[in-house]
C-alpha cells in the first residue's frame, strides 16, 4: 500500500479526502452554489499503523488514517453577522484560490463557479442585479432590538424591499416593543414570526400575511400566540447582536420554520427610521452575498485545511514511543505520531530526547548524558567531565544556534 508520506493527491482527491459532499454539478443558484468536486476516487495515503498489542510485543504507533471529515465534523469560523466587507473579501480570496486550483482538472466547473462568484459580486455594485439570484424558495430574515424607540412609545419599524424571493420575517426584542412592518411593492411577505423576552405587539402588517408569535396583533390579523409565555416557550427569544445570541435564535427558529436564517439585522435601540430588509441596506446586502457564497467558501476552507494538514504530515522529526512494559523505540514521525515502519526498539528505556547538530540525538539517563544511534537502537553513555549523576526524567533541549544543551541546573 502506498505510504502516506509519499502520496501526492490531485486537487479532486484532496477534496474527496477532506470529506466534502460529492455531487455532479450542473447549474446553480444562491441556494445551491456550484460544487467543485468530482466523483469520489479511491483514497490514497490511508496506511494503517498497528497499535501496541501486548507487553511482549513491541508494536509502536497509534492507528493513523488520512484525515477524513464529514460536514458535521467541520469547524469553521462563525458566520459574520455584521455585514463586514473585510470578511466577505477574505472568503472571496479563498474561493478564488480553489477555482484557480481546479482549472487544470475541471475547467468547466471552474468556469461555472467563477461566473457564479461574478454574479454575486455584481449584486454589491448594482443591487438590482440581485434579481439574478431569484428563487421561489422563501428566505428567512431576522430583525432584533433590545428596546424600541423611547421617543416614540417604544416602537420599532421594519420595511421589507427584497423582491428576489418570498420572505419569512422574524422580529424580536427583549423589551415589550410595538412593531410596525411595511412591505414595498412586489414584496412577497408570506409570514411574520414575532418573538421576545416579553410579550410584543404587532401594530401593523401587510394584508394577507400569516403571523405567529408571542404577541397581540391588529384587530384584522389572526395571530397564533401564547400571551402567558409560560406554557409554551417557543417564541421566547431575542437578539440584536452577538454570535451566541444569534445562534440561539437560529436554534429556536428551526422549531418554527424550515428556512435557515439568511440575514440578521439589529441594534440595541430602535430608531425613528425603519430597518430595511432589502438591497438598499448595505449591511443586508453584504450578508446576502456572504450567504450566497457560503457553499463555495466551505469547499475552499476544506481544501485549504487539507493542504495545511498535508504540510504537517510532510514535517518529520525524531520521536520516542514506549509500550506498557517501559520498553522504548525511536523513529521518524509527524505531529500525528511516528511512522510505524521507521520505529527501532532501543536497548534501554528513554524518556527524553533532544537533537544536537554535533552529537546527534541526545538523552538523559540515570548515569548521565547519553547518545542514541537510531538505526541500531543503541543508547550509549557520553562521557562528560565533572557532570554529576542526572535523572532520566529531567527535560532536555538543544540550542543549535549556541551549540548548547540544557537540562535542570545544567548548561552543557
Foldseek 3Di string as FASTA:
>chain_A
DDALLPDDDALQQLLVQLADDEDDFDDDFLVRAGDLHHPHDDHPNADFQDPDDDDVDDRHDHTDGRHHDHPVRDDDDFDDQFLDVVVVVVLVVLLVVSLVSSCVPCVPSSVSNVVLLVLLVVCLVPVVSCLVRADADEAEAEEFAAWEAPVPVTEAEAEEEAQRYAYEYEYEYADAYEYAYHYDPNHRDAEYEYAYQAEYEDEYDDPPHAYEYAYHYPPVHDYNHDVVCPPDVLRYAGDADDPVRVVVVQVSCVVVDVHGHQHYHHDHYHDPDHHYCGSVDSSNSSSNSCSSCVVSSVSSVSSVVSVVVSVQFNDKDKDWDADPVQWIWIAIGGPNIGDRVGTDTAPDHADEWEQAPPQGIWFADQQGIWHADRVHRYTGDDDDPPDDGDHRNWYWYADRVVRWIDTVPDID
